[in-house]
Amino acid sequence: KLRASRMVEFAAKNLQAELNRRKSKEDA
């Protein structure tokens, strides 16, 4: 459960970081 939680969080934060670089949703 902790592994899944952390990896979901890791992916979601990386996605947000890409969006913050003013990339389109699709590119991010």
PDB file of all heavy atoms in Angstrom:
ATOM      1  N   LYS A   1       0.835  -1.201   0.000  1.00  0.00           N
ATOM      2  CA  LYS A   1       0.000   0.000   0.000  1.00  0.00           C
ATOM      3  C   LYS A   1       0.870   1.251   0.000  1.00  0.00           C
ATOM      4  O   LYS A   1       0.606   2.201  -0.756  1.00  0.00           O
ATOM      5  CB  LYS A   1      -0.921  -0.009   1.222  1.00  0.00           C
ATOM      6  CG  LYS A   1      -1.853   1.186   1.282  1.00  0.00           C
ATOM      7  CD  LYS A   1      -2.839   1.084   2.434  1.00  0.00           C
ATOM      8  CE  LYS A   1      -2.182   1.473   3.749  1.00  0.00           C
ATOM      9  NZ  LYS A   1      -3.172   1.588   4.846  1.00  0.00           N
ATOM     10  N   LEU A   2       1.915   1.257   0.821  1.00  0.00           N
ATOM     11  CA  LEU A   2       2.815   2.410   0.865  1.00  0.00           C
ATOM     12  C   LEU A   2       3.541   2.592  -0.462  1.00  0.00           C
ATOM     13  O   LEU A   2       3.733   3.719  -0.933  1.00  0.00           O
ATOM     14  CB  LEU A   2       3.827   2.242   2.006  1.00  0.00           C
ATOM     15  CG  LEU A   2       3.279   2.431   3.420  1.00  0.00           C
ATOM     16  CD1 LEU A   2       4.338   2.060   4.451  1.00  0.00           C
ATOM     17  CD2 LEU A   2       2.826   3.878   3.627  1.00  0.00           C
ATOM     18  N   ARG A   3       3.946   1.484  -1.061  1.00  0.00           N
ATOM     19  CA  ARG A   3       4.605   1.576  -2.367  1.00  0.00           C
ATOM     20  C   ARG A   3       3.672   2.189  -3.405  1.00  0.00           C
ATOM     21  O   ARG A   3       4.061   3.103  -4.153  1.00  0.00           O
ATOM     22  CB  ARG A   3       5.042   0.186  -2.820  1.00  0.00           C
ATOM     23  CG  ARG A   3       5.621   0.150  -4.243  1.00  0.00           C
ATOM     24  CD  ARG A   3       5.729  -1.280  -4.727  1.00  0.00           C
ATOM     25  NE  ARG A   3       6.196  -1.376  -6.099  1.00  0.00           N
ATOM     26  CZ  ARG A   3       5.730  -2.237  -6.998  1.00  0.00           C
ATOM     27  NH1 ARG A   3       4.763  -3.086  -6.651  1.00  0.00           N
ATOM     28  NH2 ARG A   3       6.217  -2.284  -8.216  1.00  0.00           N
ATOM     29  N   ALA A   4       2.425   1.687  -3.459  1.00  0.00           N
ATOM     30  CA  ALA A   4       1.472   2.220  -4.428  1.00  0.00           C
ATOM     31  C   ALA A   4       1.200   3.699  -4.158  1.00  0.00           C
ATOM     32  O   ALA A   4       1.180   4.521  -5.090  1.00  0.00           O
ATOM     33  CB  ALA A   4       0.170   1.417  -4.375  1.00  0.00           C
ATOM     34  N   SER A   5       0.997   4.061  -2.881  1.00  0.00           N
ATOM     35  CA  SER A   5       0.728   5.456  -2.533  1.00  0.00           C
ATOM     36  C   SER A   5       1.859   6.358  -2.991  1.00  0.00           C
ATOM     37  O   SER A   5       1.630   7.417  -3.591  1.00  0.00           O
ATOM     38  CB  SER A   5       0.549   5.600  -1.016  1.00  0.00           C
ATOM     39  OG  SER A   5      -0.533   4.846  -0.555  1.00  0.00           O
ATOM     40  N   ARG A   6       3.083   5.931  -2.693  1.00  0.00           N
ATOM     41  CA  ARG A   6       4.217   6.778  -3.031  1.00  0.00           C
ATOM     42  C   ARG A   6       4.383   6.916  -4.537  1.00  0.00           C
ATOM     43  O   ARG A   6       4.704   7.999  -5.043  1.00  0.00           O
ATOM     44  CB  ARG A   6       5.509   6.208  -2.428  1.00  0.00           C
ATOM     45  CG  ARG A   6       6.673   7.150  -2.653  1.00  0.00           C
ATOM     46  CD  ARG A   6       8.014   6.553  -2.274  1.00  0.00           C
ATOM     47  NE  ARG A   6       9.054   7.541  -2.543  1.00  0.00           N
ATOM     48  CZ  ARG A   6       9.539   7.803  -3.753  1.00  0.00           C
ATOM     49  NH1 ARG A   6       9.083   7.165  -4.796  1.00  0.00           N
ATOM     50  NH2 ARG A   6      10.473   8.727  -3.922  1.00  0.00           N
ATOM     51  N   MET A   7       4.164   5.837  -5.270  1.00  0.00           N
ATOM     52  CA  MET A   7       4.375   5.900  -6.715  1.00  0.00           C
ATOM     53  C   MET A   7       3.262   6.672  -7.418  1.00  0.00           C
ATOM     54  O   MET A   7       3.501   7.334  -8.430  1.00  0.00           O
ATOM     55  CB  MET A   7       4.537   4.490  -7.283  1.00  0.00           C
ATOM     56  CG  MET A   7       5.794   3.814  -6.755  1.00  0.00           C
ATOM     57  SD  MET A   7       6.187   2.245  -7.550  1.00  0.00           S
ATOM     58  CE  MET A   7       6.764   2.815  -9.146  1.00  0.00           C
ATOM     59  N   VAL A   8       2.050   6.605  -6.883  1.00  0.00           N
ATOM     60  CA  VAL A   8       0.980   7.445  -7.414  1.00  0.00           C
ATOM     61  C   VAL A   8       1.307   8.909  -7.159  1.00  0.00           C
ATOM     62  O   VAL A   8       1.179   9.768  -8.045  1.00  0.00           O
ATOM     63  CB  VAL A   8      -0.383   7.072  -6.792  1.00  0.00           C
ATOM     64  CG1 VAL A   8      -1.449   8.106  -7.158  1.00  0.00           C
ATOM     65  CG2 VAL A   8      -0.820   5.686  -7.250  1.00  0.00           C
ATOM     66  N   GLU A   9       1.751   9.189  -5.935  1.00  0.00           N
ATOM     67  CA  GLU A   9       2.127  10.563  -5.588  1.00  0.00           C
ATOM     68  C   GLU A   9       3.287  11.056  -6.455  1.00  0.00           C
ATOM     69  O   GLU A   9       3.274  12.186  -6.953  1.00  0.00           O
ATOM     70  CB  GLU A   9       2.506  10.639  -4.108  1.00  0.00           C
ATOM     71  CG  GLU A   9       2.856  12.045  -3.643  1.00  0.00           C
ATOM     72  CD  GLU A   9       3.158  12.099  -2.159  1.00  0.00           C
ATOM     73  OE1 GLU A   9       3.900  11.226  -1.669  1.00  0.00           O
ATOM     74  OE2 GLU A   9       2.645  13.013  -1.489  1.00  0.00           O
ATOM     75  N   PHE A  10       4.277  10.215  -6.642  1.00  0.00           N
ATOM     76  CA  PHE A  10       5.452  10.572  -7.445  1.00  0.00           C
ATOM     77  C   PHE A  10       5.034  10.918  -8.875  1.00  0.00           C
ATOM     78  O   PHE A  10       5.455  11.938  -9.443  1.00  0.00           O
ATOM     79  CB  PHE A  10       6.438   9.406  -7.431  1.00  0.00           C
ATOM     80  CG  PHE A  10       7.689   9.633  -8.232  1.00  0.00           C
ATOM     81  CD1 PHE A  10       8.710  10.434  -7.733  1.00  0.00           C
ATOM     82  CD2 PHE A  10       7.854   9.045  -9.474  1.00  0.00           C
ATOM     83  CE1 PHE A  10       9.874  10.652  -8.463  1.00  0.00           C
ATOM     84  CE2 PHE A  10       9.006   9.248 -10.219  1.00  0.00           C
ATOM     85  CZ  PHE A  10      10.022  10.053  -9.707  1.00  0.00           C
ATOM     86  N   ALA A  11       4.191  10.071  -9.476  1.00  0.00           N
ATOM     87  CA  ALA A  11       3.751  10.311 -10.852  1.00  0.00           C
ATOM     88  C   ALA A  11       2.896  11.570 -10.947  1.00  0.00           C
ATOM     89  O   ALA A  11       3.053  12.377 -11.875  1.00  0.00           O
ATOM     90  CB  ALA A  11       2.969   9.099 -11.370  1.00  0.00           C
ATOM     91  N   ALA A  12       1.986  11.758  -9.978  1.00  0.00           N
ATOM     92  CA  ALA A  12       1.108  12.925 -10.003  1.00  0.00           C
ATOM     93  C   ALA A  12       1.898  14.217  -9.854  1.00  0.00           C
ATOM     94  O   ALA A  12       1.620  15.221 -10.532  1.00  0.00           O
ATOM     95  CB  ALA A  12       0.060  12.810  -8.905  1.00  0.00           C
ATOM     96  N   LYS A  13       2.903  14.221  -8.981  1.00  0.00           N
ATOM     97  CA  LYS A  13       3.717  15.426  -8.787  1.00  0.00           C
ATOM     98  C   LYS A  13       4.586  15.707 -10.013  1.00  0.00           C
ATOM     99  O   LYS A  13       4.786  16.872 -10.382  1.00  0.00           O
ATOM    100  CB  LYS A  13       4.577  15.290  -7.532  1.00  0.00           C
ATOM    101  CG  LYS A  13       3.773  15.406  -6.248  1.00  0.00           C
ATOM    102  CD  LYS A  13       4.664  15.407  -5.017  1.00  0.00           C
ATOM    103  CE  LYS A  13       3.848  15.711  -3.762  1.00  0.00           C
ATOM    104  NZ  LYS A  13       4.685  15.739  -2.538  1.00  0.00           N
ATOM    105  N   ASN A  14       5.098  14.664 -10.635  1.00  0.00           N
ATOM    106  CA  ASN A  14       5.876  14.868 -11.860  1.00  0.00           C
ATOM    107  C   ASN A  14       4.999  15.423 -12.979  1.00  0.00           C
ATOM    108  O   ASN A  14       5.445  16.268 -13.771  1.00  0.00           O
ATOM    109  CB  ASN A  14       6.524  13.557 -12.304  1.00  0.00           C
ATOM    110  CG  ASN A  14       7.745  13.212 -11.467  1.00  0.00           C
ATOM    111  OD1 ASN A  14       8.177  14.003 -10.635  1.00  0.00           O
ATOM    112  ND2 ASN A  14       8.289  12.029 -11.683  1.00  0.00           N
ATOM    113  N   LEU A  15       3.770  14.929 -13.041  1.00  0.00           N
ATOM    114  CA  LEU A  15       2.834  15.435 -14.040  1.00  0.00           C
ATOM    115  C   LEU A  15       2.559  16.917 -13.808  1.00  0.00           C
ATOM    116  O   LEU A  15       2.558  17.732 -14.748  1.00  0.00           O
ATOM    117  CB  LEU A  15       1.529  14.638 -13.981  1.00  0.00           C
ATOM    118  CG  LEU A  15       0.407  15.079 -14.921  1.00  0.00           C
ATOM    119  CD1 LEU A  15       0.829  14.964 -16.383  1.00  0.00           C
ATOM    120  CD2 LEU A  15      -0.853  14.253 -14.657  1.00  0.00           C
ATOM    121  N   GLN A  16       2.346  17.285 -12.544  1.00  0.00           N
ATOM    122  CA  GLN A  16       2.085  18.683 -12.229  1.00  0.00           C
ATOM    123  C   GLN A  16       3.298  19.552 -12.540  1.00  0.00           C
ATOM    124  O   GLN A  16       3.156  20.680 -13.038  1.00  0.00           O
ATOM    125  CB  GLN A  16       1.698  18.825 -10.750  1.00  0.00           C
ATOM    126  CG  GLN A  16       1.251  20.221 -10.365  1.00  0.00           C
ATOM    127  CD  GLN A  16       0.050  20.689 -11.164  1.00  0.00           C
ATOM    128  OE1 GLN A  16      -0.962  19.992 -11.244  1.00  0.00           O
ATOM    129  NE2 GLN A  16       0.151  21.860 -11.777  1.00  0.00           N
ATOM    130  N   ALA A  17       4.490  19.006 -12.268  1.00  0.00           N
ATOM    131  CA  ALA A  17       5.708  19.765 -12.570  1.00  0.00           C
ATOM    132  C   ALA A  17       5.833  20.035 -14.064  1.00  0.00           C
ATOM    133  O   ALA A  17       6.252  21.128 -14.486  1.00  0.00           O
ATOM    134  CB  ALA A  17       6.931  19.005 -12.062  1.00  0.00           C
ATOM    135  N   GLU A  18       5.474  19.068 -14.881  1.00  0.00           N
ATOM    136  CA  GLU A  18       5.507  19.263 -16.336  1.00  0.00           C
ATOM    137  C   GLU A  18       4.476  20.313 -16.758  1.00  0.00           C
ATOM    138  O   GLU A  18       4.745  21.149 -17.630  1.00  0.00           O
ATOM    139  CB  GLU A  18       5.231  17.944 -17.055  1.00  0.00           C
ATOM    140  CG  GLU A  18       6.346  16.913 -16.952  1.00  0.00           C
ATOM    141  CD  GLU A  18       7.588  17.316 -17.735  1.00  0.00           C
ATOM    142  OE1 GLU A  18       7.491  18.178 -18.636  1.00  0.00           O
ATOM    143  OE2 GLU A  18       8.660  16.764 -17.441  1.00  0.00           O
ATOM    144  N   LEU A  19       3.320  20.272 -16.138  1.00  0.00           N
ATOM    145  CA  LEU A  19       2.290  21.263 -16.458  1.00  0.00           C
ATOM    146  C   LEU A  19       2.743  22.667 -16.060  1.00  0.00           C
ATOM    147  O   LEU A  19       2.444  23.654 -16.749  1.00  0.00           O
ATOM    148  CB  LEU A  19       0.983  20.909 -15.740  1.00  0.00           C
ATOM    149  CG  LEU A  19       0.206  19.713 -16.291  1.00  0.00           C
ATOM    150  CD1 LEU A  19      -0.917  19.313 -15.334  1.00  0.00           C
ATOM    151  CD2 LEU A  19      -0.365  20.030 -17.667  1.00  0.00           C
ATOM    152  N   ASN A  20       3.467  22.755 -14.945  1.00  0.00           N
ATOM    153  CA  ASN A  20       3.952  24.052 -14.481  1.00  0.00           C
ATOM    154  C   ASN A  20       4.988  24.654 -15.422  1.00  0.00           C
ATOM    155  O   ASN A  20       5.273  25.852 -15.348  1.00  0.00           O
ATOM    156  CB  ASN A  20       4.550  23.927 -13.076  1.00  0.00           C
ATOM    157  CG  ASN A  20       3.478  23.615 -12.040  1.00  0.00           C
ATOM    158  OD1 ASN A  20       2.285  23.806 -12.281  1.00  0.00           O
ATOM    159  ND2 ASN A  20       3.902  23.119 -10.891  1.00  0.00           N
ATOM    160  N   ARG A  21       5.582  23.811 -16.268  1.00  0.00           N
ATOM    161  CA  ARG A  21       6.540  24.326 -17.243  1.00  0.00           C
ATOM    162  C   ARG A  21       5.834  24.852 -18.494  1.00  0.00           C
ATOM    163  O   ARG A  21       6.441  25.001 -19.547  1.00  0.00           O
ATOM    164  CB  ARG A  21       7.532  23.224 -17.626  1.00  0.00           C
ATOM    165  CG  ARG A  21       8.419  22.776 -16.465  1.00  0.00           C
ATOM    166  CD  ARG A  21       9.529  21.828 -16.948  1.00  0.00           C
ATOM    167  NE  ARG A  21      10.342  21.365 -15.850  1.00  0.00           N
ATOM    168  CZ  ARG A  21      10.197  20.195 -15.236  1.00  0.00           C
ATOM    169  NH1 ARG A  21       9.243  19.364 -15.645  1.00  0.00           N
ATOM    170  NH2 ARG A  21      10.986  19.843 -14.241  1.00  0.00           N
ATOM    171  N   ARG A  22       4.542  25.096 -18.335  1.00  0.00           N
ATOM    172  CA  ARG A  22       3.711  25.663 -19.404  1.00  0.00           C
ATOM    173  C   ARG A  22       3.593  24.736 -20.614  1.00  0.00           C
ATOM    174  O   ARG A  22       3.430  25.177 -21.738  1.00  0.00           O
ATOM    175  CB  ARG A  22       4.236  27.030 -19.842  1.00  0.00           C
ATOM    176  CG  ARG A  22       4.211  28.057 -18.727  1.00  0.00           C
ATOM    177  CD  ARG A  22       4.683  29.408 -19.227  1.00  0.00           C
ATOM    178  NE  ARG A  22       4.642  30.387 -18.137  1.00  0.00           N
ATOM    179  CZ  ARG A  22       5.019  31.664 -18.272  1.00  0.00           C
ATOM    180  NH1 ARG A  22       5.459  32.100 -19.455  1.00  0.00           N
ATOM    181  NH2 ARG A  22       4.955  32.500 -17.260  1.00  0.00           N
ATOM    182  N   LYS A  23       3.699  23.467 -20.363  1.00  0.00           N
ATOM    183  CA  LYS A  23       3.456  22.505 -21.434  1.00  0.00           C
ATOM    184  C   LYS A  23       1.956  22.242 -21.534  1.00  0.00           C
ATOM    185  O   LYS A  23       1.214  22.412 -20.575  1.00  0.00           O
ATOM    186  CB  LYS A  23       4.198  21.197 -21.172  1.00  0.00           C
ATOM    187  CG  LYS A  23       5.719  21.320 -21.261  1.00  0.00           C
ATOM    188  CD  LYS A  23       6.348  19.958 -21.139  1.00  0.00           C
ATOM    189  CE  LYS A  23       7.842  20.011 -21.435  1.00  0.00           C
ATOM    190  NZ  LYS A  23       8.582  20.757 -20.419  1.00  0.00           N
ATOM    191  N   SER A  24       1.518  21.776 -22.673  1.00  0.00           N
ATOM    192  CA  SER A  24       0.116  21.392 -22.816  1.00  0.00           C
ATOM    193  C   SER A  24      -0.145  20.158 -21.970  1.00  0.00           C
ATOM    194  O   SER A  24       0.784  19.418 -21.607  1.00  0.00           O
ATOM    195  CB  SER A  24      -0.201  21.095 -24.283  1.00  0.00           C
ATOM    196  OG  SER A  24       0.449  19.901 -24.697  1.00  0.00           O
ATOM    197  N   LYS A  25      -1.416  19.912 -21.668  1.00  0.00           N
ATOM    198  CA  LYS A  25      -1.766  18.732 -20.884  1.00  0.00           C
ATOM    199  C   LYS A  25      -1.290  17.457 -21.577  1.00  0.00           C
ATOM    200  O   LYS A  25      -0.819  16.521 -20.933  1.00  0.00           O
ATOM    201  CB  LYS A  25      -3.281  18.677 -20.670  1.00  0.00           C
ATOM    202  CG  LYS A  25      -3.816  19.730 -19.717  1.00  0.00           C
ATOM    203  CD  LYS A  25      -5.324  19.566 -19.523  1.00  0.00           C
ATOM    204  CE  LYS A  25      -5.867  20.595 -18.547  1.00  0.00           C
ATOM    205  NZ  LYS A  25      -7.344  20.450 -18.364  1.00  0.00           N
ATOM    206  N   GLU A  26      -1.427  17.442 -22.905  1.00  0.00           N
ATOM    207  CA  GLU A  26      -1.052  16.256 -23.669  1.00  0.00           C
ATOM    208  C   GLU A  26       0.454  16.012 -23.620  1.00  0.00           C
ATOM    209  O   GLU A  26       0.910  14.878 -23.424  1.00  0.00           O
ATOM    210  CB  GLU A  26      -1.522  16.400 -25.120  1.00  0.00           C
ATOM    211  CG  GLU A  26      -3.032  16.406 -25.299  1.00  0.00           C
ATOM    212  CD  GLU A  26      -3.688  17.726 -24.911  1.00  0.00           C
ATOM    213  OE1 GLU A  26      -2.952  18.737 -24.790  1.00  0.00           O
ATOM    214  OE2 GLU A  26      -4.915  17.740 -24.728  1.00  0.00           O
ATOM    215  N   ASP A  27       1.234  17.072 -23.771  1.00  0.00           N
ATOM    216  CA  ASP A  27       2.694  16.931 -23.703  1.00  0.00           C
ATOM    217  C   ASP A  27       3.139  16.518 -22.306  1.00  0.00           C
ATOM    218  O   ASP A  27       4.029  15.677 -22.143  1.00  0.00           O
ATOM    219  CB  ASP A  27       3.377  18.245 -24.098  1.00  0.00           C
ATOM    220  CG  ASP A  27       3.332  18.498 -25.595  1.00  0.00           C
ATOM    221  OD1 ASP A  27       3.085  17.524 -26.344  1.00  0.00           O
ATOM    222  OD2 ASP A  27       3.544  19.644 -26.006  1.00  0.00           O
ATOM    223  N   ALA A  28       2.529  17.135 -21.303  1.00  0.00           N
ATOM    224  CA  ALA A  28       2.885  16.797 -19.918  1.00  0.00           C
ATOM    225  C   ALA A  28       2.577  15.336 -19.624  1.00  0.00           C
ATOM    226  O   ALA A  28       3.366  14.634 -18.980  1.00  0.00           O
ATOM    227  CB  ALA A  28       2.120  17.708 -18.951  1.00  0.00           C
TER     228      ALA A  28
END
